Protein backbone atom coordinates (compact mmCIF):
# COMPACT_ATOMS: atom_id res chain seq x y z
CA MET A 1 -68.66 0.88 -31.76
CA GLY A 2 -64.92 1.58 -32.30
CA VAL A 3 -62.40 4.42 -33.22
CA ARG A 4 -62.58 4.61 -37.17
CA GLY A 5 -59.11 4.46 -39.26
CA ARG A 6 -55.46 3.54 -38.14
CA LYS A 7 -54.01 3.31 -34.88
CA SER A 8 -51.53 6.48 -34.68
CA THR A 9 -47.83 5.57 -33.93
CA ALA A 10 -48.13 6.58 -30.33
CA GLU A 11 -51.54 4.62 -29.68
CA MET A 12 -49.27 1.57 -30.44
CA SER A 13 -46.79 2.20 -28.80
CA ILE A 14 -48.33 2.35 -25.47
CA ALA A 15 -48.29 -0.81 -23.09
CA THR A 16 -51.73 -2.67 -23.74
CA LYS A 17 -53.52 -4.95 -21.70
CA VAL A 18 -53.29 -8.97 -21.81
CA ASP A 19 -56.02 -10.85 -20.74
CA GLY A 20 -56.86 -8.64 -18.72
CA LYS A 21 -54.15 -9.62 -16.51
CA PHE A 22 -51.85 -6.30 -16.39
CA MET A 23 -50.14 -3.90 -19.20
CA LEU A 24 -47.08 -5.05 -20.97
CA PRO A 25 -43.59 -2.45 -21.01
CA PRO A 26 -43.86 -0.49 -24.14
CA GLU A 27 -41.01 -0.83 -26.65
CA GLY A 28 -37.74 1.38 -25.78
CA LEU A 29 -37.33 0.08 -22.56
CA SER A 30 -34.03 -2.57 -21.89
CA GLN A 31 -34.33 -5.40 -20.00
CA ALA A 32 -34.14 -4.42 -16.27
CA GLU A 33 -36.75 -1.89 -17.05
CA SER A 34 -38.83 -4.05 -18.49
CA ASP A 35 -38.76 -6.41 -14.99
CA VAL A 36 -39.26 -3.12 -12.84
CA TRP A 37 -42.40 -2.54 -15.32
CA LEU A 38 -43.14 -6.30 -14.82
CA ASP A 39 -42.38 -6.54 -10.91
CA VAL A 40 -44.91 -3.05 -9.99
CA VAL A 41 -47.75 -4.00 -12.76
CA ARG A 42 -48.43 -7.50 -11.39
CA CYS A 43 -48.88 -6.50 -7.96
CA LEU A 44 -51.64 -3.69 -8.63
CA PRO A 45 -54.85 -4.29 -10.06
CA PRO A 46 -55.16 -4.96 -13.48
CA ASP A 47 -57.11 -1.45 -13.57
CA PHE A 48 -55.00 0.68 -11.50
CA ILE A 49 -53.01 2.42 -13.80
CA ALA A 50 -54.51 3.90 -16.64
CA LYS A 51 -53.31 3.28 -20.18
CA GLU A 52 -52.49 7.01 -20.41
CA ALA A 53 -50.05 6.68 -17.45
CA SER A 54 -48.01 4.20 -18.77
CA GLU A 55 -45.69 6.75 -19.99
CA MET A 56 -45.18 7.75 -16.48
CA LEU A 57 -44.94 4.35 -15.24
CA ALA A 58 -42.42 3.91 -17.69
CA ALA A 59 -40.02 7.10 -16.43
CA TYR A 60 -40.26 5.27 -13.11
CA CYS A 61 -38.99 2.23 -14.12
CA ARG A 62 -36.02 4.43 -15.98
CA HIS A 63 -35.22 6.07 -12.72
CA ALA A 64 -35.46 2.86 -10.71
CA VAL A 65 -33.23 1.13 -13.00
CA SER A 66 -30.60 4.43 -13.20
CA THR A 67 -31.06 4.81 -9.30
CA ARG A 68 -29.91 1.17 -8.58
CA ASP A 69 -27.21 0.82 -11.16
CA LEU A 70 -25.64 4.37 -9.38
CA SER A 71 -25.95 2.72 -6.05
CA THR A 72 -24.25 0.16 -7.06
CA MET A 73 -21.64 2.19 -8.56
CA ILE A 74 -21.56 3.47 -5.37
CA ALA A 75 -20.86 0.95 -3.81
CA ARG A 76 -18.33 -0.17 -5.58
CA PHE A 77 -16.45 2.97 -5.20
CA ASN A 78 -12.92 2.39 -3.79
CA PRO A 79 -12.12 4.42 -0.51
CA ARG A 80 -8.66 4.99 -1.88
CA TRP A 81 -10.04 6.50 -4.87
CA LEU A 82 -10.77 9.60 -2.76
CA LYS A 83 -7.21 10.43 -2.24
CA VAL A 84 -6.71 10.64 -6.14
CA ASP A 85 -7.07 13.80 -7.74
CA GLY A 86 -10.74 14.40 -8.70
CA GLY A 87 -11.40 11.33 -6.77
CA LEU A 88 -13.83 13.33 -4.28
CA ALA A 89 -15.39 15.00 -6.91
CA ARG A 90 -16.71 12.13 -8.83
CA TYR A 91 -17.55 10.40 -5.58
CA GLU A 92 -19.74 13.43 -4.98
CA LYS A 93 -20.97 13.53 -8.54
CA LEU A 94 -22.24 10.16 -8.12
CA LEU A 95 -23.82 10.67 -4.71
CA ARG A 96 -25.77 13.84 -6.33
CA MET A 97 -26.72 12.15 -9.36
CA ARG A 98 -28.10 8.86 -7.40
CA SER A 99 -30.16 12.00 -5.27
CA VAL A 100 -31.75 13.25 -8.49
CA GLU A 101 -32.88 9.97 -10.05
CA SER A 102 -34.16 9.24 -6.40
CA ARG A 103 -36.21 12.07 -6.27
CA ALA A 104 -37.50 11.71 -9.59
CA MET A 105 -38.36 8.52 -9.21
CA LEU A 106 -40.29 9.27 -6.02
CA ALA A 107 -42.52 12.03 -7.89
CA CYS A 108 -43.10 9.49 -10.31
CA ALA A 109 -44.42 6.86 -7.85
CA ARG A 110 -46.54 9.62 -6.08
CA SER A 111 -47.98 10.81 -9.47
CA LEU A 112 -48.84 6.59 -10.10
CA ARG A 113 -50.03 6.53 -6.35
CA LEU A 114 -47.54 3.82 -5.82
CA THR A 115 -46.71 4.62 -2.45
CA SER A 116 -47.59 3.15 0.68
CA GLN A 117 -49.07 6.46 2.37
CA SER A 118 -51.46 7.08 -1.00
CA ARG A 119 -52.92 3.56 -0.50
CA VAL A 120 -54.25 4.45 2.74
CA ASP A 121 -56.82 6.47 4.14
CA PRO A 122 -56.05 8.48 7.26
CA LYS A 123 -59.33 8.79 8.08
CA THR A 124 -59.33 4.66 8.71
CA ALA A 125 -55.55 4.78 9.30
CA GLY A 126 -55.71 4.19 12.85
CA ARG A 127 -58.83 2.24 13.31
CA ALA A 128 -56.50 -0.60 10.90
CA ARG A 129 -53.92 -0.51 13.05
CA ARG A 130 -56.04 -1.23 15.96
CA ASN A 131 -57.23 -4.07 14.63
CA GLY A 132 -54.48 -6.00 13.71
CA MET A 133 -51.72 -4.21 11.27
CA LEU A 134 -48.26 -5.72 12.59
CA PRO A 135 -46.39 -2.94 15.19
CA SER A 136 -43.69 -0.97 13.51
CA PHE A 137 -40.31 -0.94 13.94
CA TYR A 138 -40.45 1.68 16.32
CA ASP A 139 -42.82 0.30 18.39
CA LEU A 140 -41.15 -2.59 18.93
CA GLN A 141 -38.02 -0.42 20.41
CA PRO A 142 -37.07 -0.10 24.30
CA ASP A 143 -37.82 2.87 25.82
CA GLU A 144 -34.26 3.79 26.09
CA PHE A 145 -33.74 3.45 22.44
CA PHE A 146 -35.30 6.90 21.92
CA ASP A 147 -33.18 8.40 25.31
CA ASP A 148 -30.85 11.34 23.87
């Protein structure tokens, strides 16, 4: 039995599932943020992200795009600008802003259980590794790689 009455604005603005496949991004996200949303949602099972967690996913997308944009600014920062008055302060501010955005993005990812660590059961992780997971970067390195 359905809910009686009109839908609230908040209820209508939250993402909805389309054909049981994935949720569409809510209104208000930029094109880049919507692209991140769709990249995330398409990689997950249809019911992985609950409807009430869609705002957290939107925040994750905003932080992801902000982090990417700040990284682009930092990469384009000309080292000669450091010698100009305020150049070093601007560079440090960009680095701090990226750090804050990265931490916020990671916090959202953890809350949504998007990180690989949150998807692996610690009781079976070792067994899964022995039964066919590929070796890590560190497993492939020669012993002298770790010597001091």
